[in-house]
PDB file of N, CA and C in Angstrom:
ATOM      1  N   MET A   1      -8.722  11.321 -11.853  1.00  0.00           N
ATOM      2  CA  MET A   1      -8.547  11.886 -10.137  1.00  0.00           C
ATOM      3  C   MET A   1      -9.688  11.123  -9.455  1.00  0.00           C
ATOM      4  N   GLY A   2      -8.994  10.721  -8.081  1.00  0.00           N
ATOM      5  CA  GLY A   2     -10.244   9.847  -7.993  1.00  0.00           C
ATOM      6  C   GLY A   2     -11.008  11.143  -6.591  1.00  0.00           C
ATOM      7  N   GLU A   3     -12.283  10.538  -6.046  1.00  0.00           N
ATOM      8  CA  GLU A   3     -13.383  11.384  -5.669  1.00  0.00           C
ATOM      9  C   GLU A   3     -12.764  12.059  -4.451  1.00  0.00           C
ATOM     10  N   TRP A   4     -11.334  11.571  -3.880  1.00  0.00           N
ATOM     11  CA  TRP A   4     -11.265  12.397  -2.407  1.00  0.00           C
ATOM     12  C   TRP A   4     -10.032  12.810  -2.999  1.00  0.00           C
ATOM     13  N   ILE A   5      -9.428  13.180  -4.064  1.00  0.00           N
ATOM     14  CA  ILE A   5      -8.498  14.196  -4.075  1.00  0.00           C
ATOM     15  C   ILE A   5      -9.057  14.950  -5.409  1.00  0.00           C
ATOM     16  N   ILE A   6      -9.271  16.304  -4.881  1.00  0.00           N
ATOM     17  CA  ILE A   6      -9.627  17.284  -5.455  1.00  0.00           C
ATOM     18  C   ILE A   6      -8.469  18.223  -5.904  1.00  0.00           C
ATOM     19  N   PRO A   7      -8.953  19.132  -7.161  1.00  0.00           N
ATOM     20  CA  PRO A   7      -8.085  19.888  -8.191  1.00  0.00           C
ATOM     21  C   PRO A   7      -7.533  21.418  -6.631  1.00  0.00           C
ATOM     22  N   GLU A   8      -6.318  21.477  -7.414  1.00  0.00           N
ATOM     23  CA  GLU A   8      -5.382  22.536  -6.514  1.00  0.00           C
ATOM     24  C   GLU A   8      -6.363  23.969  -6.724  1.00  0.00           C
ATOM     25  N   ASP A   9      -6.531  24.387  -5.478  1.00  0.00           N
ATOM     26  CA  ASP A   9      -7.173  25.177  -5.773  1.00  0.00           C
ATOM     27  C   ASP A   9      -5.847  26.579  -5.189  1.00  0.00           C
ATOM     28  N   GLY A  10      -5.250  26.544  -4.789  1.00  0.00           N
ATOM     29  CA  GLY A  10      -3.979  27.729  -4.664  1.00  0.00           C
ATOM     30  C   GLY A  10      -3.489  28.061  -3.239  1.00  0.00           C
ATOM     31  N   ILE A  11      -4.952  27.441  -2.368  1.00  0.00           N
ATOM     32  CA  ILE A  11      -5.173  27.465  -0.760  1.00  0.00           C
ATOM     33  C   ILE A  11      -4.866  25.951  -0.121  1.00  0.00           C
ATOM     34  N   ILE A  12      -4.105  26.015   1.376  1.00  0.00           N
ATOM     35  CA  ILE A  12      -3.772  25.122   1.757  1.00  0.00           C
ATOM     36  C   ILE A  12      -4.898  25.043   3.331  1.00  0.00           C
ATOM     37  N   ASP A  13      -4.906  23.216   3.167  1.00  0.00           N
ATOM     38  CA  ASP A  13      -6.300  23.923   4.024  1.00  0.00           C
ATOM     39  C   ASP A  13      -5.803  22.718   5.424  1.00  0.00           C
ATOM     40  N   ASP A  14      -5.344  23.706   5.992  1.00  0.00           N
ATOM     41  CA  ASP A  14      -4.235  23.407   7.150  1.00  0.00           C
ATOM     42  C   ASP A  14      -4.866  22.084   7.897  1.00  0.00           C
ATOM     43  N   LEU A  15      -6.158  22.327   8.197  1.00  0.00           N
ATOM     44  CA  LEU A  15      -6.574  21.588   9.464  1.00  0.00           C
ATOM     45  C   LEU A  15      -7.254  20.146   8.591  1.00  0.00           C
ATOM     46  N   ALA A  16      -7.228  20.184   7.126  1.00  0.00           N
ATOM     47  CA  ALA A  16      -7.491  18.693   6.467  1.00  0.00           C
ATOM     48  C   ALA A  16      -6.247  18.032   6.707  1.00  0.00           C
ATOM     49  N   VAL A  17      -4.768  18.610   6.548  1.00  0.00           N
ATOM     50  CA  VAL A  17      -3.633  18.248   6.465  1.00  0.00           C
ATOM     51  C   VAL A  17      -3.229  17.521   7.775  1.00  0.00           C
ATOM     52  N   GLN A  18      -3.490  18.361   8.700  1.00  0.00           N
ATOM     53  CA  GLN A  18      -4.052  17.402  10.069  1.00  0.00           C
ATOM     54  C   GLN A  18      -4.798  16.482  10.049  1.00  0.00           C
ATOM     55  N   ILE A  19      -5.583  16.616   9.874  1.00  0.00           N
ATOM     56  CA  ILE A  19      -6.731  15.175  10.321  1.00  0.00           C
ATOM     57  C   ILE A  19      -6.124  14.358   9.223  1.00  0.00           C
ATOM     58  N   ALA A  20      -6.027  14.223   7.860  1.00  0.00           N
ATOM     59  CA  ALA A  20      -5.234  13.070   7.539  1.00  0.00           C
ATOM     60  C   ALA A  20      -4.666  12.602   7.960  1.00  0.00           C
ATOM     61  N   ALA A  21      -3.264  13.666   7.890  1.00  0.00           N
ATOM     62  CA  ALA A  21      -1.774  12.723   8.869  1.00  0.00           C
ATOM     63  C   ALA A  21      -2.465  12.274  10.434  1.00  0.00           C
ATOM     64  N   SER A  22      -3.369  12.614  11.181  1.00  0.00           N
ATOM     65  CA  SER A  22      -3.713  12.058  12.160  1.00  0.00           C
ATOM     66  C   SER A  22      -4.166  10.311  12.026  1.00  0.00           C
ATOM     67  N   GLY A  23      -4.702  10.475  10.755  1.00  0.00           N
ATOM     68  CA  GLY A  23      -5.189   9.032  10.231  1.00  0.00           C
ATOM     69  C   GLY A  23      -7.184   9.373  10.880  1.00  0.00           C
ATOM     70  N   GLN A  24      -7.422   9.904  11.477  1.00  0.00           N
ATOM     71  CA  GLN A  24      -8.808  10.233  12.002  1.00  0.00           C
ATOM     72  C   GLN A  24      -9.574   9.558  11.122  1.00  0.00           C
ATOM     73  N   ARG A  25     -10.130  10.332  10.047  1.00  0.00           N
ATOM     74  CA  ARG A  25     -10.820   9.842   9.547  1.00  0.00           C
ATOM     75  C   ARG A  25     -10.381  10.586   7.761  1.00  0.00           C
ATOM     76  N   ARG A  26     -11.146   9.690   6.709  1.00  0.00           N
ATOM     77  CA  ARG A  26     -10.739  10.138   5.376  1.00  0.00           C
ATOM     78  C   ARG A  26     -10.928  11.600   4.788  1.00  0.00           C
ATOM     79  N   VAL A  27     -10.451  12.648   4.566  1.00  0.00           N
ATOM     80  CA  VAL A  27     -10.537  13.894   4.073  1.00  0.00           C
ATOM     81  C   VAL A  27     -10.370  13.646   2.602  1.00  0.00           C
ATOM     82  N   ARG A  28     -10.789  14.927   1.815  1.00  0.00           N
ATOM     83  CA  ARG A  28     -10.775  15.187   0.721  1.00  0.00           C
ATOM     84  C   ARG A  28      -9.146  16.265   0.401  1.00  0.00           C
ATOM     85  N   LEU A  29      -8.302  16.255  -0.029  1.00  0.00           N
ATOM     86  CA  LEU A  29      -6.936  16.902  -0.050  1.00  0.00           C
ATOM     87  C   LEU A  29      -6.835  17.313  -2.017  1.00  0.00           C
ATOM     88  N   THR A  30      -5.730  18.113  -1.790  1.00  0.00           N
ATOM     89  CA  THR A  30      -5.357  18.415  -3.025  1.00  0.00           C
ATOM     90  C   THR A  30      -4.484  17.380  -3.027  1.00  0.00           C
ATOM     91  N   LYS A  31      -3.336  17.360  -4.267  1.00  0.00           N
ATOM     92  CA  LYS A  31      -2.409  16.770  -4.389  1.00  0.00           C
ATOM     93  C   LYS A  31      -1.403  17.233  -3.617  1.00  0.00           C
ATOM     94  N   LEU A  32      -0.913  18.583  -3.030  1.00  0.00           N
ATOM     95  CA  LEU A  32       0.136  19.529  -2.469  1.00  0.00           C
ATOM     96  C   LEU A  32      -0.493  19.023  -0.938  1.00  0.00           C
ATOM     97  N   GLU A  33      -1.604  18.913  -1.080  1.00  0.00           N
ATOM     98  CA  GLU A  33      -1.740  18.769   0.846  1.00  0.00           C
ATOM     99  C   GLU A  33      -1.614  17.401   1.415  1.00  0.00           C
ATOM    100  N   ARG A  34      -1.890  16.065  -0.074  1.00  0.00           N
ATOM    101  CA  ARG A  34      -2.034  14.745   0.525  1.00  0.00           C
ATOM    102  C   ARG A  34      -0.372  14.396   0.934  1.00  0.00           C
ATOM    103  N   ARG A  35       0.529  15.267   0.020  1.00  0.00           N
ATOM    104  CA  ARG A  35       2.198  15.230  -0.127  1.00  0.00           C
ATOM    105  C   ARG A  35       2.179  15.653   1.273  1.00  0.00           C
ATOM    106  N   MET A  36       1.673  17.323   1.621  1.00  0.00           N
ATOM    107  CA  MET A  36       1.946  17.747   3.164  1.00  0.00           C
ATOM    108  C   MET A  36       1.741  16.718   4.132  1.00  0.00           C
ATOM    109  N   ALA A  37       0.857  16.115   4.142  1.00  0.00           N
ATOM    110  CA  ALA A  37       0.478  15.206   5.035  1.00  0.00           C
ATOM    111  C   ALA A  37       0.751  14.156   5.310  1.00  0.00           C
ATOM    112  N   ALA A  38       1.795  13.848   4.205  1.00  0.00           N
ATOM    113  CA  ALA A  38       2.454  12.468   3.867  1.00  0.00           C
ATOM    114  C   ALA A  38       4.340  13.028   4.664  1.00  0.00           C
ATOM    115  N   ALA A  39       4.675  14.329   4.837  1.00  0.00           N
ATOM    116  CA  ALA A  39       5.579  14.685   5.083  1.00  0.00           C
ATOM    117  C   ALA A  39       5.290  14.166   6.583  1.00  0.00           C
ATOM    118  N   LEU A  40       3.770  14.872   6.872  1.00  0.00           N
ATOM    119  CA  LEU A  40       3.750  15.303   8.982  1.00  0.00           C
ATOM    120  C   LEU A  40       4.316  13.726   8.812  1.00  0.00           C
ATOM    121  N   ILE A  41       3.481  12.481   8.397  1.00  0.00           N
ATOM    122  CA  ILE A  41       3.734  11.513   9.387  1.00  0.00           C
ATOM    123  C   ILE A  41       4.873  10.869   9.225  1.00  0.00           C
ATOM    124  N   VAL A  42       5.634  11.242   7.807  1.00  0.00           N
ATOM    125  CA  VAL A  42       7.444  10.704   8.063  1.00  0.00           C
ATOM    126  C   VAL A  42       8.216  11.358   8.921  1.00  0.00           C
ATOM    127  N   ALA A  43       7.961  13.033   9.292  1.00  0.00           N
ATOM    128  CA  ALA A  43       8.378  13.530  10.174  1.00  0.00           C
ATOM    129  C   ALA A  43       8.490  13.204  11.030  1.00  0.00           C
ATOM    130  N   ARG A  44       7.184  12.668  11.651  1.00  0.00           N
ATOM    131  CA  ARG A  44       6.910  12.330  12.793  1.00  0.00           C
ATOM    132  C   ARG A  44       7.167  10.468  13.361  1.00  0.00           C
ATOM    133  N   GLY A  45       7.961  10.200  12.150  1.00  0.00           N
ATOM    134  CA  GLY A  45       8.687   8.641  12.508  1.00  0.00           C
ATOM    135  C   GLY A  45       7.778   7.867  11.935  1.00  0.00           C
ATOM    136  N   GLY A  46       6.930   8.161  11.145  1.00  0.00           N
ATOM    137  CA  GLY A  46       6.103   7.150  10.369  1.00  0.00           C
ATOM    138  C   GLY A  46       6.614   6.560   8.697  1.00  0.00           C
ATOM    139  N   THR A  47       6.145   5.494   8.858  1.00  0.00           N
ATOM    140  CA  THR A  47       6.425   4.767   7.473  1.00  0.00           C
ATOM    141  C   THR A  47       5.474   4.915   6.397  1.00  0.00           C
ATOM    142  N   ALA A  48       6.283   4.035   5.044  1.00  0.00           N
ATOM    143  CA  ALA A  48       4.961   3.908   4.138  1.00  0.00           C
ATOM    144  C   ALA A  48       3.778   3.570   4.355  1.00  0.00           C
ATOM    145  N   TRP A  49       3.703   2.550   5.246  1.00  0.00           N
ATOM    146  CA  TRP A  49       2.274   2.061   5.694  1.00  0.00           C
ATOM    147  C   TRP A  49       1.783   2.657   6.144  1.00  0.00           C
ATOM    148  N   ASP A  50       2.562   3.794   7.291  1.00  0.00           N
ATOM    149  CA  ASP A  50       1.291   4.576   8.158  1.00  0.00           C
ATOM    150  C   ASP A  50       0.771   5.449   7.190  1.00  0.00           C
ATOM    151  N   VAL A  51       1.688   5.953   5.967  1.00  0.00           N
ATOM    152  CA  VAL A  51       1.239   6.696   5.027  1.00  0.00           C
ATOM    153  C   VAL A  51      -0.066   6.202   4.595  1.00  0.00           C
ATOM    154  N   CYS A  52       0.122   4.661   3.988  1.00  0.00           N
ATOM    155  CA  CYS A  52      -1.181   4.316   2.862  1.00  0.00           C
ATOM    156  C   CYS A  52      -2.027   3.592   4.067  1.00  0.00           C
ATOM    157  N   LYS A  53      -1.940   3.546   5.368  1.00  0.00           N
ATOM    158  CA  LYS A  53      -3.117   3.689   6.998  1.00  0.00           C
ATOM    159  C   LYS A  53      -3.883   4.995   6.525  1.00  0.00           C
ATOM    160  N   ARG A  54      -2.666   5.877   6.879  1.00  0.00           N
ATOM    161  CA  ARG A  54      -3.454   7.145   7.579  1.00  0.00           C
ATOM    162  C   ARG A  54      -4.174   7.859   6.519  1.00  0.00           C
ATOM    163  N   LEU A  55      -3.446   7.706   5.191  1.00  0.00           N
ATOM    164  CA  LEU A  55      -3.716   8.479   4.089  1.00  0.00           C
ATOM    165  C   LEU A  55      -5.120   7.616   3.264  1.00  0.00           C
ATOM    166  N   PHE A  56      -5.222   6.460   3.597  1.00  0.00           N
ATOM    167  CA  PHE A  56      -6.247   5.943   2.780  1.00  0.00           C
ATOM    168  C   PHE A  56      -6.087   5.910   1.326  1.00  0.00           C
ATOM    169  N   ILE A  57      -4.481   5.057   0.719  1.00  0.00           N
ATOM    170  CA  ILE A  57      -3.803   5.247   0.124  1.00  0.00           C
ATOM    171  C   ILE A  57      -3.406   3.946  -0.044  1.00  0.00           C
ATOM    172  N   ASN A  58      -3.229   3.628  -1.313  1.00  0.00           N
ATOM    173  CA  ASN A  58      -2.719   2.099  -1.564  1.00  0.00           C
ATOM    174  C   ASN A  58      -0.857   2.240  -1.200  1.00  0.00           C
ATOM    175  N   TYR A  59      -0.481   0.916  -1.140  1.00  0.00           N
ATOM    176  CA  TYR A  59       0.854   0.758  -0.274  1.00  0.00           C
ATOM    177  C   TYR A  59       1.719   1.403  -1.184  1.00  0.00           C
ATOM    178  N   SER A  60       1.793   0.994  -2.582  1.00  0.00           N
ATOM    179  CA  SER A  60       2.635   1.569  -4.070  1.00  0.00           C
ATOM    180  C   SER A  60       2.515   2.757  -3.710  1.00  0.00           C
ATOM    181  N   THR A  61       1.493   3.738  -3.547  1.00  0.00           N
ATOM    182  CA  THR A  61       1.500   4.794  -4.075  1.00  0.00           C
ATOM    183  C   THR A  61       1.644   5.683  -2.797  1.00  0.00           C
ATOM    184  N   ALA A  62       1.679   4.926  -1.804  1.00  0.00           N
ATOM    185  CA  ALA A  62       2.557   5.657  -0.572  1.00  0.00           C
ATOM    186  C   ALA A  62       3.857   5.415  -0.444  1.00  0.00           C
ATOM    187  N   THR A  63       3.892   4.078  -0.678  1.00  0.00           N
ATOM    188  CA  THR A  63       5.882   4.337  -1.124  1.00  0.00           C
ATOM    189  C   THR A  63       6.545   5.067  -1.903  1.00  0.00           C
ATOM    190  N   ALA A  64       6.078   5.228  -2.830  1.00  0.00           N
ATOM    191  CA  ALA A  64       6.322   6.668  -4.122  1.00  0.00           C
ATOM    192  C   ALA A  64       6.127   7.668  -3.728  1.00  0.00           C
ATOM    193  N   LEU A  65       5.492   7.830  -2.581  1.00  0.00           N
ATOM    194  CA  LEU A  65       5.156   9.549  -1.969  1.00  0.00           C
ATOM    195  C   LEU A  65       6.331   9.736  -0.967  1.00  0.00           C
ATOM    196  N   VAL A  66       6.540   8.326  -0.056  1.00  0.00           N
ATOM    197  CA  VAL A  66       7.682   8.801   0.509  1.00  0.00           C
ATOM    198  C   VAL A  66       8.731   8.253  -0.268  1.00  0.00           C
ATOM    199  N   THR A  67       8.785   7.978  -1.051  1.00  0.00           N
ATOM    200  CA  THR A  67      10.604   7.924  -1.442  1.00  0.00           C
ATOM    201  C   THR A  67      10.848   9.259  -1.971  1.00  0.00           C
ATOM    202  N   SER A  68       9.401   9.549  -2.610  1.00  0.00           N
ATOM    203  CA  SER A  68      10.172  11.428  -3.532  1.00  0.00           C
ATOM    204  C   SER A  68      10.539  12.518  -2.223  1.00  0.00           C
ATOM    205  N   LEU A  69       9.682  11.975  -0.926  1.00  0.00           N
ATOM    206  CA  LEU A  69      10.007  13.152   0.165  1.00  0.00           C
ATOM    207  C   LEU A  69      11.077  12.850   0.313  1.00  0.00           C
ATOM    208  N   THR A  70      11.860  11.518   1.069  1.00  0.00           N
ATOM    209  CA  THR A  70      12.837  11.698   1.147  1.00  0.00           C
ATOM    210  C   THR A  70      14.175  12.127  -0.024  1.00  0.00           C
ATOM    211  N   ALA A  71      13.633  11.551  -1.102  1.00  0.00           N
ATOM    212  CA  ALA A  71      14.963  11.886  -2.350  1.00  0.00           C
ATOM    213  C   ALA A  71      15.107  13.569  -2.141  1.00  0.00           C
ATOM    214  N   ASP A  72      13.430  14.553  -1.925  1.00  0.00           N
ATOM    215  CA  ASP A  72      14.274  15.375  -2.331  1.00  0.00           C
ATOM    216  C   ASP A  72      14.999  16.678  -1.170  1.00  0.00           C
ATOM    217  N   THR A  73      14.740  15.997   0.110  1.00  0.00           N
ATOM    218  CA  THR A  73      15.932  16.104   1.406  1.00  0.00           C
ATOM    219  C   THR A  73      17.140  15.259   1.091  1.00  0.00           C
ATOM    220  N   ALA A  74      17.428  14.777   0.307  1.00  0.00           N
ATOM    221  CA  ALA A  74      18.705  13.178   0.780  1.00  0.00           C
ATOM    222  C   ALA A  74      19.871  14.207   0.563  1.00  0.00           C
ATOM    223  N   GLY A  75      19.715  14.981   0.006  1.00  0.00           N
ATOM    224  CA  GLY A  75      20.838  16.302  -0.407  1.00  0.00           C
ATOM    225  C   GLY A  75      20.848  17.606   0.620  1.00  0.00           C
ATOM    226  N   LEU A  76      20.298  17.894   1.126  1.00  0.00           N
ATOM    227  CA  LEU A  76      19.841  19.099   2.292  1.00  0.00           C
ATOM    228  C   LEU A  76      21.247  19.295   2.920  1.00  0.00           C
ATOM    229  N   GLY A  77      21.806  18.052   3.532  1.00  0.00           N
ATOM    230  CA  GLY A  77      23.322  17.740   4.301  1.00  0.00           C
ATOM    231  C   GLY A  77      24.141  18.705   3.594  1.00  0.00           C
ATOM    232  N   GLU A  78      24.345  18.066   2.059  1.00  0.00           N
ATOM    233  CA  GLU A  78      25.276  18.495   1.652  1.00  0.00           C
ATOM    234  C   GLU A  78      26.422  19.926   1.143  1.00  0.00           C
ATOM    235  N   VAL A  79      27.101  19.992   1.141  1.00  0.00           N
ATOM    236  CA  VAL A  79      27.573  21.643   1.038  1.00  0.00           C
ATOM    237  C   VAL A  79      28.514  21.819  -0.096  1.00  0.00           C
ATOM    238  N   ALA A  80      27.656  22.271  -1.277  1.00  0.00           N
ATOM    239  CA  ALA A  80      28.674  22.480  -3.001  1.00  0.00           C
ATOM    240  C   ALA A  80      30.053  22.744  -2.661  1.00  0.00           C
TER     241      ALA A  80
END
């Protein structure tokens, strides 16, 4: 684990997520918080490149994160 990823503690720091999603500065996040920040960026029209730049992660990690987020929601409109 990198120094910017902290262990899950069961608490979501909404302020840290908002700061990270804005790209204002680098903040320490849990993996879930980083995922939430990426989801905010994508929900606001951002791309994998935006996720890469705002969360200070490499492009391949950002692409995988965005792909996993969009895959999670791909079937939501389908009726079984």
